[in-house]
Amino acid sequence: MNLKRLAEELGLSQTTVSRALNGYPEVSEATRKRVEEAARRYNYRPNSRAKGLATGRAMVIGQVIPTSVQHEMVNPIFGDFVAGASQTFSRYGYDMMFSRVPDVDESDIYREYRARGAVDAVILQGPLVNDQRIPLLNRIGLPFIVHGRSTGITEPYAFVDVNNTRAFQHATEFLVHLGHRRIALINGLEGMDFAQRRRAGYEAALKAAGIPVDPALMRSDEMTEYFGYRETRALLAQEDPPTAIMAASMIAALGVRRAIEETGLTMGRDVSVITHDDDLSYLKNGQDVPIFTAIRSSVRKAGEILAQCLVDQINAPDAPPEQRMLEADLLVGRSTGPAPQRT
């Protein structure tokens, strides 16, 4: 099945069919759905190279991975995001291209992308506080969208983010209601915008409950299993150890659990644990009853939403940048319980 035959089957012009499949805003929603349904039925896949020649686009979405992000490419959270984004991009004939570069060369590759027309847009992952990549991309005119947000950047930019502050505030409040007063935070790198927002939510809940914020209960680093394990061992060795721990990722939470068990304690009875990002394809949080109480936010769904926003931006470059805020749900599992009584 080629474009001509698909158009004949639908009784439409090839131009209309092509524009419907590429998300052009002038095509009605009813026509778009009809064309997409027929494309699926006949297993029609537009040729990216031919589309690029016809539209003057590269039909490629770029993503730059700095070498300092050591574990990003094998991180199941990143993998789920890419799976969701690529599924949406493929419907519009876009491919994804990943470039691994030293941090010092990151701005250079964006300029190169723009000069060569190698990509139609880029995705920014892991935004920092006051992330200077955003004004750079605005300045050079390369379309982009941010997975997350950047505190300190006031100029307009498109983003898709989860409400990290509210999620961690609600989770901390849940632990407070269970009677916990010594609540630790195992967080991501402090320079990352999401980590600061999560800490802000955690601290807000403590202050509202009249609980002093104790820096000795807060840890920050790249969210690996070993980081969660190492810091939990150190926290539990304190003279007044925490009775509850907030972990900023499922991967770090696995390390938290290992440390609790090796110390001879029971998760959910002696130490309560709440984790973020539990809705992962290859790292399920139990079956009928979740292992971890978790702040659930599907990163795969975020990838799908972000990709659609970016395609819309490519097709309507003069439209205001789209900004989507996703809310997380608190899912109660076996890892939390009332604060233990201490003598």
Protein backbone atom coordinates (compact mmCIF):
# COMPACT_ATOMS: atom_id res chain seq x y z
CA MET A 1 0.00 0.00 0.00
CA ASN A 2 1.39 3.38 -1.06
CA LEU A 3 0.11 6.93 -0.56
CA LYS A 4 -1.65 7.04 -3.91
CA ARG A 5 -3.62 3.84 -3.30
CA LEU A 6 -4.50 4.86 0.24
CA ALA A 7 -5.84 8.18 -1.06
CA GLU A 8 -7.90 6.34 -3.71
CA GLU A 9 -9.38 4.01 -1.09
CA LEU A 10 -10.44 7.02 0.98
CA GLY A 11 -11.62 9.13 -1.93
CA LEU A 12 -9.29 11.93 -0.88
CA SER A 13 -6.39 13.73 -2.51
CA GLN A 14 -2.85 12.57 -1.74
CA THR A 15 -2.14 16.01 -0.29
CA THR A 16 -5.02 15.74 2.19
CA VAL A 17 -3.98 12.23 3.26
CA SER A 18 -0.36 13.32 3.67
CA ARG A 19 -1.33 16.37 5.72
CA ALA A 20 -3.67 14.32 7.91
CA LEU A 21 -0.92 11.82 8.70
CA ASN A 22 1.53 14.63 9.45
CA GLY A 23 -0.76 16.44 11.89
CA TYR A 24 -1.33 19.63 9.88
CA PRO A 25 -3.85 21.81 11.77
CA GLU A 26 -5.95 22.68 8.71
CA VAL A 27 -7.15 19.06 8.40
CA SER A 28 -10.35 18.41 10.38
CA GLU A 29 -10.25 16.02 13.32
CA ALA A 30 -12.83 13.74 11.67
CA THR A 31 -10.75 13.46 8.49
CA ARG A 32 -7.56 12.91 10.48
CA LYS A 33 -9.11 10.04 12.44
CA ARG A 34 -10.54 8.49 9.28
CA VAL A 35 -7.15 8.62 7.53
CA GLU A 36 -5.26 7.26 10.55
CA GLU A 37 -7.74 4.39 10.92
CA ALA A 38 -7.35 3.49 7.24
CA ALA A 39 -3.55 3.69 7.50
CA ARG A 40 -3.64 1.20 10.38
CA ARG A 41 -6.10 -1.07 8.57
CA TYR A 42 -3.97 -1.22 5.44
CA ASN A 43 -0.69 -1.24 7.41
CA TYR A 44 0.46 1.91 5.61
CA ARG A 45 3.76 3.38 6.79
CA PRO A 46 4.94 6.61 5.14
CA ASN A 47 8.53 6.60 3.96
CA SER A 48 10.45 9.04 6.15
CA ARG A 49 12.95 9.93 3.45
CA ALA A 50 10.23 10.63 0.89
CA LYS A 51 8.30 12.69 3.43
CA GLY A 52 11.39 14.69 4.20
CA LEU A 53 11.93 15.51 0.55
CA ALA A 54 8.28 16.50 0.17
CA THR A 55 8.09 18.65 3.29
CA GLY A 56 11.63 19.98 3.53
CA ARG A 57 11.99 18.37 6.94
CA ALA A 58 14.56 15.94 8.28
CA MET A 59 11.81 13.80 9.89
CA VAL A 60 14.16 13.28 12.84
CA ILE A 61 13.83 14.28 16.50
CA GLY A 62 17.16 14.73 18.29
CA GLN A 63 18.13 14.02 21.85
CA VAL A 64 21.56 14.80 23.31
CA ILE A 65 22.87 12.61 26.14
CA PRO A 66 25.79 14.24 28.04
CA THR A 67 28.54 11.83 29.08
CA SER A 68 28.23 13.04 32.70
CA VAL A 69 24.86 11.28 32.92
CA GLN A 70 26.60 7.95 33.37
CA HIS A 71 23.65 5.58 33.64
CA GLU A 72 20.95 7.35 31.58
CA MET A 73 21.03 5.08 28.52
CA VAL A 74 20.40 1.93 30.60
CA ASN A 75 17.98 3.55 33.03
CA PRO A 76 14.54 1.84 32.79
CA ILE A 77 12.88 5.22 33.46
CA PHE A 78 14.59 6.70 30.40
CA GLY A 79 13.75 3.55 28.43
CA ASP A 80 10.04 3.86 29.23
CA PHE A 81 10.05 7.54 28.26
CA VAL A 82 11.68 6.74 24.90
CA ALA A 83 9.22 3.89 24.29
CA GLY A 84 6.27 6.22 24.79
CA ALA A 85 7.74 9.08 22.76
CA SER A 86 8.90 6.88 19.86
CA GLN A 87 5.45 5.28 19.59
CA THR A 88 3.89 8.69 19.02
CA PHE A 89 6.65 9.95 16.73
CA SER A 90 6.42 6.85 14.54
CA ARG A 91 2.76 7.56 13.81
CA TYR A 92 3.87 10.80 12.16
CA GLY A 93 6.87 9.25 10.37
CA TYR A 94 9.56 10.69 12.67
CA ASP A 95 12.68 8.84 13.76
CA MET A 96 14.60 9.56 16.97
CA MET A 97 18.35 10.21 16.98
CA PHE A 98 20.51 10.09 20.12
CA SER A 99 23.85 11.86 20.32
CA ARG A 100 26.28 11.06 23.15
CA VAL A 101 28.61 14.03 23.69
CA PRO A 102 30.89 15.48 26.39
CA ASP A 103 29.15 18.15 28.48
CA VAL A 104 31.39 20.90 27.10
CA ASP A 105 30.26 20.09 23.54
CA GLU A 106 26.52 20.07 24.20
CA SER A 107 25.83 23.62 23.03
CA ASP A 108 27.96 23.02 19.93
CA ILE A 109 25.88 20.06 18.79
CA TYR A 110 22.66 22.08 19.00
CA ARG A 111 24.21 24.72 16.76
CA GLU A 112 25.37 21.98 14.40
CA TYR A 113 21.89 20.43 14.33
CA ARG A 114 20.45 23.80 13.37
CA ALA A 115 23.09 24.63 10.76
CA ARG A 116 22.84 21.24 9.01
CA GLY A 117 19.09 20.84 9.35
CA ALA A 118 19.84 17.42 10.82
CA VAL A 119 16.78 17.39 13.09
CA ASP A 120 13.40 19.11 13.13
CA ALA A 121 13.38 19.53 16.91
CA VAL A 122 15.06 18.29 20.08
CA ILE A 123 14.01 16.99 23.49
CA LEU A 124 15.77 18.30 26.60
CA GLN A 125 16.00 15.76 29.42
CA GLY A 126 16.99 16.35 33.04
CA PRO A 127 16.78 20.16 33.13
CA LEU A 128 18.96 21.92 35.67
CA VAL A 129 17.97 24.89 37.76
CA ASN A 130 18.49 27.95 35.52
CA ASP A 131 19.27 25.64 32.59
CA GLN A 132 21.09 27.70 29.94
CA ARG A 133 20.24 25.24 27.15
CA ILE A 134 16.75 26.77 27.04
CA PRO A 135 17.75 30.36 26.14
CA LEU A 136 20.37 28.93 23.76
CA LEU A 137 17.78 26.94 21.80
CA ASN A 138 15.40 29.90 21.76
CA ARG A 139 18.21 32.10 20.48
CA ILE A 140 19.32 29.81 17.64
CA GLY A 141 15.72 29.01 16.65
CA LEU A 142 15.82 25.23 17.03
CA PRO A 143 12.38 23.91 18.12
CA PHE A 144 12.49 22.01 21.41
CA ILE A 145 10.49 20.76 24.36
CA VAL A 146 11.66 20.07 27.91
CA HIS A 147 10.88 16.92 29.88
CA GLY A 148 10.64 18.79 33.17
CA ARG A 149 11.02 22.47 34.01
CA SER A 150 13.80 24.87 34.93
CA THR A 151 13.47 27.22 37.89
CA GLY A 152 15.02 30.58 37.09
CA ILE A 153 14.20 30.56 33.36
CA THR A 154 11.52 33.16 32.70
CA GLU A 155 11.41 33.13 28.90
CA PRO A 156 8.70 30.98 27.29
CA TYR A 157 9.38 27.33 26.46
CA ALA A 158 7.36 24.16 25.98
CA PHE A 159 7.47 21.47 28.64
CA VAL A 160 5.79 18.36 30.03
CA ASP A 161 6.39 17.80 33.73
CA VAL A 162 4.94 16.02 36.74
CA ASN A 163 4.00 18.15 39.74
CA ASN A 164 6.96 17.01 41.85
CA THR A 165 6.39 19.49 44.67
CA ARG A 166 2.78 18.49 45.24
CA ALA A 167 3.56 14.77 44.88
CA PHE A 168 6.27 14.81 47.55
CA GLN A 169 4.25 17.06 49.83
CA HIS A 170 1.29 14.66 49.74
CA ALA A 171 3.54 11.63 50.29
CA THR A 172 5.26 13.25 53.26
CA GLU A 173 1.88 14.25 54.71
CA PHE A 174 0.79 10.61 54.43
CA LEU A 175 3.78 9.53 56.54
CA VAL A 176 3.12 12.30 59.07
CA HIS A 177 -0.48 11.07 59.43
CA LEU A 178 0.92 7.61 60.20
CA GLY A 179 2.75 9.15 63.15
CA HIS A 180 6.24 9.44 61.62
CA ARG A 181 8.40 12.35 62.76
CA ARG A 182 11.85 11.18 61.62
CA ILE A 183 11.36 11.12 57.84
CA ALA A 184 14.42 10.91 55.57
CA LEU A 185 14.70 11.98 51.93
CA ILE A 186 16.86 10.04 49.44
CA ASN A 187 16.79 12.50 46.53
CA GLY A 188 18.32 13.03 43.10
CA LEU A 189 21.20 15.38 42.36
CA GLU A 190 20.50 18.78 43.92
CA GLY A 191 21.39 20.66 40.74
CA MET A 192 18.50 18.94 38.93
CA ASP A 193 15.32 20.97 38.94
CA PHE A 194 13.07 18.01 39.83
CA ALA A 195 15.17 17.23 42.92
CA GLN A 196 14.78 20.76 44.27
CA ARG A 197 11.04 20.69 43.68
CA ARG A 198 10.72 17.34 45.46
CA ARG A 199 12.72 18.59 48.42
CA ALA A 200 10.52 21.72 48.54
CA GLY A 201 7.38 19.55 48.79
CA TYR A 202 8.95 17.36 51.48
CA GLU A 203 10.06 20.36 53.53
CA ALA A 204 6.69 22.12 53.16
CA ALA A 205 4.86 19.10 54.62
CA LEU A 206 7.27 18.87 57.55
CA LYS A 207 6.99 22.58 58.36
CA ALA A 208 3.18 22.47 58.14
CA ALA A 209 3.22 19.63 60.71
CA GLY A 210 5.59 21.51 63.01
CA ILE A 211 8.43 19.05 62.40
CA PRO A 212 11.92 20.60 62.16
CA VAL A 213 13.71 20.09 58.83
CA ASP A 214 16.85 18.10 59.65
CA PRO A 215 19.65 18.25 57.02
CA ALA A 216 21.09 15.05 58.56
CA LEU A 217 18.08 13.18 57.14
CA MET A 218 18.54 14.37 53.54
CA ARG A 219 20.75 12.74 50.92
CA SER A 220 21.34 13.72 47.28
CA ASP A 221 23.13 11.92 44.41
CA GLU A 222 22.58 10.08 41.16
CA MET A 223 19.66 7.73 41.76
CA THR A 224 21.32 4.31 41.59
CA GLU A 225 20.51 1.22 43.65
CA TYR A 226 23.83 1.49 45.45
CA PHE A 227 23.17 5.12 46.37
CA GLY A 228 19.89 4.10 48.01
CA TYR A 229 21.60 1.22 49.81
CA ARG A 230 24.65 3.18 51.00
CA GLU A 231 22.73 6.16 52.33
CA THR A 232 20.09 4.04 54.04
CA ARG A 233 22.79 2.10 55.89
CA ALA A 234 24.26 5.41 57.05
CA LEU A 235 20.86 6.80 58.06
CA LEU A 236 19.92 3.70 60.04
CA ALA A 237 23.25 3.86 61.89
CA GLN A 238 22.40 7.28 63.35
CA GLU A 239 21.74 7.61 67.06
CA ASP A 240 18.17 8.70 66.23
CA PRO A 241 17.49 6.93 62.90
CA PRO A 242 14.52 7.67 60.64
CA THR A 243 11.33 5.64 60.90
CA ALA A 244 10.40 6.48 57.31
CA ILE A 245 12.26 7.15 54.07
CA MET A 246 11.16 8.95 50.91
CA ALA A 247 13.03 7.64 47.83
CA ALA A 248 13.07 9.71 44.63
CA SER A 249 13.09 6.68 42.30
CA MET A 250 12.19 3.01 42.24
CA ILE A 251 15.83 2.13 41.51
CA ALA A 252 17.06 3.91 44.65
CA ALA A 253 14.17 2.37 46.61
CA LEU A 254 15.46 -1.12 45.80
CA GLY A 255 18.70 -0.16 47.52
CA VAL A 256 16.76 1.27 50.46
CA ARG A 257 14.92 -2.04 50.84
CA ARG A 258 18.17 -4.06 50.67
CA ALA A 259 19.75 -1.92 53.40
CA ILE A 260 16.72 -2.24 55.68
CA GLU A 261 16.68 -6.03 55.33
CA GLU A 262 20.44 -6.38 55.84
CA THR A 263 20.14 -4.37 59.03
CA GLY A 264 17.69 -6.97 60.35
CA LEU A 265 14.66 -4.68 60.11
CA THR A 266 11.36 -5.14 58.30
CA MET A 267 10.20 -2.65 55.67
CA GLY A 268 6.71 -1.41 56.46
CA ARG A 269 6.94 -2.34 60.13
CA ASP A 270 10.25 -0.94 61.41
CA VAL A 271 10.91 1.51 58.58
CA SER A 272 8.28 2.82 56.14
CA VAL A 273 9.30 3.59 52.55
CA ILE A 274 7.62 5.59 49.79
CA THR A 275 9.08 5.67 46.29
CA HIS A 276 8.48 7.70 43.13
CA ASP A 277 8.23 6.41 39.51
CA ASP A 278 6.86 2.94 40.20
CA ASP A 279 4.88 2.55 36.97
CA LEU A 280 7.67 1.03 34.85
CA SER A 281 7.32 -1.62 32.13
CA TYR A 282 10.38 -3.65 33.15
CA LEU A 283 10.39 -2.99 36.90
CA LYS A 284 6.92 -3.72 38.22
CA ASN A 285 5.91 -2.81 41.75
CA GLY A 286 4.41 -6.19 42.65
CA GLN A 287 1.17 -7.61 41.29
CA ASP A 288 -2.23 -7.32 43.04
CA VAL A 289 -0.83 -5.58 46.13
CA PRO A 290 2.07 -3.16 45.47
CA ILE A 291 5.35 -3.87 47.26
CA PHE A 292 6.09 -0.18 47.70
CA THR A 293 3.75 2.63 48.60
CA ALA A 294 4.45 4.86 45.62
CA ILE A 295 3.86 8.19 43.97
CA ARG A 296 2.67 6.84 40.64
CA SER A 297 3.32 8.77 37.45
CA SER A 298 3.68 6.94 34.14
CA VAL A 299 6.83 8.16 32.43
CA ARG A 300 5.80 6.22 29.31
CA LYS A 301 2.58 8.24 29.14
CA ALA A 302 4.61 11.41 29.68
CA GLY A 303 6.72 10.44 26.66
CA GLU A 304 3.60 10.00 24.53
CA ILE A 305 2.19 13.37 25.59
CA LEU A 306 5.50 15.18 25.10
CA ALA A 307 5.97 13.73 21.61
CA GLN A 308 2.48 14.84 20.56
CA CYS A 309 3.15 18.35 21.90
CA LEU A 310 6.40 18.51 19.93
CA VAL A 311 4.79 17.34 16.67
CA ASP A 312 2.09 19.97 17.16
CA GLN A 313 4.80 22.59 17.69
CA ILE A 314 6.61 21.57 14.48
CA ASN A 315 3.36 21.81 12.54
CA ALA A 316 2.32 25.14 14.08
CA PRO A 317 5.61 26.98 14.83
CA ASP A 318 3.90 30.30 15.58
CA ALA A 319 1.61 28.89 18.27
CA PRO A 320 2.46 29.63 21.93
CA PRO A 321 4.65 26.92 23.52
CA GLU A 322 2.53 24.19 25.08
CA GLN A 323 3.04 23.50 28.77
CA ARG A 324 1.57 20.37 30.36
CA MET A 325 1.57 19.61 34.09
CA LEU A 326 0.82 16.02 35.09
CA GLU A 327 -0.33 15.01 38.57
CA ALA A 328 0.92 11.91 40.40
CA ASP A 329 -1.23 9.47 42.38
CA LEU A 330 -0.33 8.05 45.79
CA LEU A 331 -0.68 4.26 45.68
CA VAL A 332 -0.59 2.54 49.09
CA GLY A 333 1.42 -0.70 49.24
CA ARG A 334 3.05 -2.94 51.83
CA SER A 335 6.06 -0.70 52.53
CA THR A 336 4.34 1.76 54.88
CA GLY A 337 2.76 1.48 58.31
CA PRO A 338 2.34 3.32 61.59
CA ALA A 339 5.49 4.76 63.15
CA PRO A 340 7.02 2.20 65.52
CA GLN A 341 6.97 2.97 69.23
CA ARG A 342 10.45 3.63 70.58
CA THR A 343 11.44 3.29 74.21
